[in-house]
Amino acid sequence: MVKKLGLDKKGQASVELLFITLIFLIIMVGFLTLISSEMNQTQTGELGKARALGEKMAGAINAVNVAGSGYSANFTIPVNVTNPASTIIINNATKSVDVIYNGNKISIKVIPNNLTTFNTNTSTTTDKIITIKNQNGNIKFS
């Protein structure tokens, strides 16, 4: 006579608990991946704003250079253009506009060879107005 083995109730409960735990972990990993992806997109968007600011500044510098001696233009940096604030460096050594945002440096080359080195930060309270002047081929900022 063959004896039938009955299900071990405690063993079945343990297997079901492990299975439910595994499903829960898979769902949590999916949520964490989704949240991480959204955070990366937000950071990329903010870095894009910083790059656009640098490109606009470089365009203004190039326009003042091309317009010739005696020409000047005002460049407005809007309030809260990047949050947290960015540092903008006009770098004569590299002939570029460098924007530093959250430890990331973005460099945009400019045409003029004679730049006055200039540093400023974006503001979280008011617009900043920078005057760009061409004085005999030398680009100066105030």
Protein backbone atom coordinates (compact mmCIF):
# COMPACT_ATOMS: atom_id res chain seq x y z
CA MET A 1 0.00 0.00 0.00
CA VAL A 2 1.27 3.46 -0.97
CA LYS A 3 1.08 6.15 1.61
CA LYS A 4 0.08 9.62 0.25
CA LEU A 5 2.03 12.55 1.50
CA GLY A 6 -0.11 15.45 2.72
CA LEU A 7 0.89 19.09 2.22
CA ASP A 8 2.94 20.50 5.02
CA LYS A 9 0.92 23.58 6.04
CA LYS A 10 3.88 25.39 7.61
CA GLY A 11 6.05 24.78 4.54
CA GLN A 12 3.34 26.04 2.20
CA ALA A 13 2.92 29.23 4.25
CA SER A 14 6.68 29.84 4.14
CA VAL A 15 6.79 29.44 0.35
CA GLU A 16 3.82 31.78 -0.09
CA LEU A 17 5.46 34.39 2.15
CA LEU A 18 8.70 34.19 0.13
CA PHE A 19 6.74 34.50 -3.12
CA ILE A 20 4.82 37.58 -1.90
CA THR A 21 8.06 39.14 -0.64
CA LEU A 22 9.70 38.56 -4.03
CA ILE A 23 6.78 40.22 -5.87
CA PHE A 24 6.89 43.17 -3.44
CA LEU A 25 10.65 43.64 -4.02
CA ILE A 26 10.21 43.55 -7.81
CA ILE A 27 7.51 46.23 -7.61
CA MET A 28 9.68 48.42 -5.31
CA VAL A 29 12.67 48.16 -7.68
CA GLY A 30 10.41 49.30 -10.52
CA PHE A 31 9.24 52.33 -8.53
CA LEU A 32 12.81 53.27 -7.56
CA THR A 33 13.95 53.05 -11.18
CA LEU A 34 11.07 55.28 -12.27
CA ILE A 35 11.81 57.88 -9.56
CA SER A 36 15.53 57.86 -10.37
CA SER A 37 14.78 58.42 -14.05
CA GLU A 38 12.55 61.42 -13.25
CA MET A 39 15.25 62.95 -11.02
CA ASN A 40 17.84 62.61 -13.81
CA GLN A 41 15.52 64.32 -16.28
CA THR A 42 15.00 67.23 -13.87
CA GLN A 43 18.76 67.66 -13.39
CA THR A 44 19.35 67.50 -17.15
CA GLY A 45 16.71 70.22 -17.69
CA GLU A 46 18.36 72.52 -15.15
CA LEU A 47 21.77 71.92 -16.76
CA GLY A 48 20.19 72.83 -20.12
CA LYS A 49 19.02 76.15 -18.65
CA ALA A 50 22.57 76.90 -17.50
CA ARG A 51 23.93 76.05 -20.97
CA ALA A 52 21.32 78.27 -22.67
CA LEU A 53 22.30 81.15 -20.37
CA GLY A 54 25.97 80.71 -21.32
CA GLU A 55 25.14 80.60 -25.03
CA LYS A 56 23.07 83.79 -24.80
CA MET A 57 25.92 85.53 -22.96
CA ALA A 58 28.43 84.35 -25.58
CA GLY A 59 26.10 85.59 -28.34
CA ALA A 60 25.89 89.02 -26.72
CA ILE A 61 29.69 89.19 -26.40
CA ASN A 62 30.13 88.20 -30.06
CA ALA A 63 27.54 90.80 -31.17
CA VAL A 64 29.33 93.59 -29.26
CA ASN A 65 32.64 92.49 -30.79
CA VAL A 66 31.27 92.48 -34.35
CA ALA A 67 29.54 95.87 -33.91
CA GLY A 68 32.92 97.56 -33.42
CA SER A 69 34.59 100.01 -31.10
CA GLY A 70 32.32 102.17 -28.97
CA TYR A 71 29.39 99.77 -29.07
CA SER A 72 27.85 98.54 -25.83
CA ALA A 73 24.91 96.34 -24.90
CA ASN A 74 23.10 95.42 -21.72
CA PHE A 75 22.69 91.71 -20.97
CA THR A 76 20.01 90.77 -18.44
CA ILE A 77 20.30 87.61 -16.37
CA PRO A 78 16.76 86.81 -15.21
CA VAL A 79 16.04 86.09 -11.55
CA ASN A 80 16.04 82.36 -10.69
CA VAL A 81 17.22 81.33 -14.16
CA THR A 82 18.95 78.42 -12.43
CA ASN A 83 18.25 77.11 -8.97
CA PRO A 84 20.62 76.87 -7.15
CA ALA A 85 22.54 79.87 -8.46
CA SER A 86 25.17 79.44 -11.18
CA THR A 87 28.54 81.13 -11.51
CA ILE A 88 29.33 82.79 -14.84
CA ILE A 89 32.99 83.36 -15.68
CA ILE A 90 34.20 85.27 -18.73
CA ASN A 91 37.59 83.62 -19.21
CA ASN A 92 40.20 85.51 -21.25
CA ALA A 93 42.70 82.62 -21.09
CA THR A 94 40.34 80.15 -22.80
CA LYS A 95 38.32 82.76 -24.74
CA SER A 96 35.10 81.33 -23.38
CA VAL A 97 32.04 81.87 -21.22
CA ASP A 98 32.11 79.27 -18.45
CA VAL A 99 28.93 78.51 -16.52
CA ILE A 100 29.33 76.45 -13.37
CA TYR A 101 26.11 74.82 -12.18
CA ASN A 102 25.99 72.20 -9.40
CA GLY A 103 29.67 71.40 -9.92
CA ASN A 104 29.26 70.97 -13.70
CA LYS A 105 31.26 73.34 -15.92
CA ILE A 106 29.90 74.31 -19.32
CA SER A 107 32.25 76.23 -21.65
CA ILE A 108 31.09 78.17 -24.69
CA LYS A 109 33.76 79.68 -26.95
CA VAL A 110 33.54 83.33 -28.05
CA ILE A 111 35.03 85.21 -31.02
CA PRO A 112 36.93 88.14 -29.38
CA ASN A 113 40.58 87.66 -28.45
CA ASN A 114 40.72 90.50 -25.93
CA LEU A 115 38.31 89.90 -23.06
CA THR A 116 38.38 91.35 -19.59
CA THR A 117 38.04 88.46 -17.15
CA PHE A 118 34.74 88.81 -15.33
CA ASN A 119 32.85 86.75 -12.72
CA THR A 120 29.24 86.97 -11.58
CA ASN A 121 26.56 84.77 -10.06
CA THR A 122 22.93 84.37 -11.02
CA SER A 123 20.53 85.79 -8.46
CA THR A 124 17.57 84.28 -6.67
CA THR A 125 16.12 87.70 -5.75
CA THR A 126 16.58 90.20 -8.62
CA ASP A 127 17.51 90.40 -12.30
CA LYS A 128 21.17 91.19 -12.99
CA ILE A 129 22.12 93.59 -15.73
CA ILE A 130 25.62 93.39 -17.17
CA THR A 131 26.94 96.03 -19.57
CA ILE A 132 29.21 94.66 -22.29
CA LYS A 133 31.41 97.31 -23.97
CA ASN A 134 33.75 97.25 -26.94
CA GLN A 135 36.59 99.69 -26.30
CA ASN A 136 39.01 99.60 -29.23
CA GLY A 137 38.57 95.85 -29.67
CA ASN A 138 38.81 95.10 -25.95
CA ILE A 139 35.59 93.63 -24.53
CA LYS A 140 34.89 94.92 -21.01
CA PHE A 141 32.14 94.19 -18.51
CA SER A 142 30.49 96.20 -15.75
